[in-house]
Amino acid sequence: MENPLELPAPAAGHQRIGWGGFALALPVNWNLSLLSAAAKMAREGLLVFSDLRGPALEVRWKTPRRLKVLPADPQKALAHSSKQLSRKHKVETVDGAHILRSRGMALAADSKRLFELHCPRAPEQIETITRDFLAAMRLMARGPWLWAVYGMSAWLPKDARLRNASLRAGDCRLEFTLPAAAESGPGRVTLAVFSLAHQILHNRPLKTWALEDLAQVRDHPGGTWEESDHQATWRVHSLKLGRKSTCETCIRHDPVANRIHWTHVEHPSKNGQP
């Protein structure tokens, strides 16, 4: 799917980031540099985006728990937190969010989570970032969700679960479990991007490289290929350990960015059909 919810296109010099039900339009030189272990779950987490000078934006979220001083309803928790901050800082309400311009900080909430956005080095950008954040979050409230980082990008069902996130230099991957379909088990999706494509390919076509080096293709013999300039798609009906599945791997070479993008989707099936 290509932008099924028609998220606003980011301004020139900006990129669209998506994660766990929210999205951001950030400068192209702000990259994800840190994610907490809990960030694989929608309930709570922390993402830090940095440029060459250091951290530029922090995004924290948490599902409120019912406490004496903090109600479980995110909107009530937002109002409570804003009230506490307003005792020492000027707090403005912008499009439903509460912004502390002097600190480059914003508080917002959806139906289940409380969010904190902190832009310490560029506080003047916090309102623009927050307005886009809120607009995107409202569009994605019912799903699907955009997952987009480091050139990887895909729209997945809201209940897809992130199993693993690996953001190693030159090899970034997000692995998901898809909800089980009728009469079959859960599916799997892997989004990945490799840097230094010229060294990885060694002048080999994408098909040859995948057959030799990409485990998701190499470990499933057979299949059919569709190839075009800088792109190849492989499909196969597989039987492993008595389990039938349908696999598809889409590979794209971006020579300008010197990257290889690939997506692997695997759906279990009864009759070898998706």
Foldseek 3Di string as FASTA:
>chain_A
DPPPLCQDDADPQWDWAFAQLWIWTGGPQWAWDDKDPCSLDNAWIKTFTAHPVGTFKIKTKHQDDPDPQAHRFQLSNQVSVLVVVVVPADWDADPQWIDGLVQLWIWHDDRGMIMIMGGRVCSVCSVVGVVSRVVSSVSDVQDQTWHDHPHWIDTARSPWGFDDWDDDVQKTKTKTWACADPPFHIKIKMKIKGAQLCVQQVPPDPVVSCCVPPCVNVVFPDFDWDDDVQKIKTWDFGADPNWTKIKMKIWGADVVRRMIIMMIIITTDDPSDD
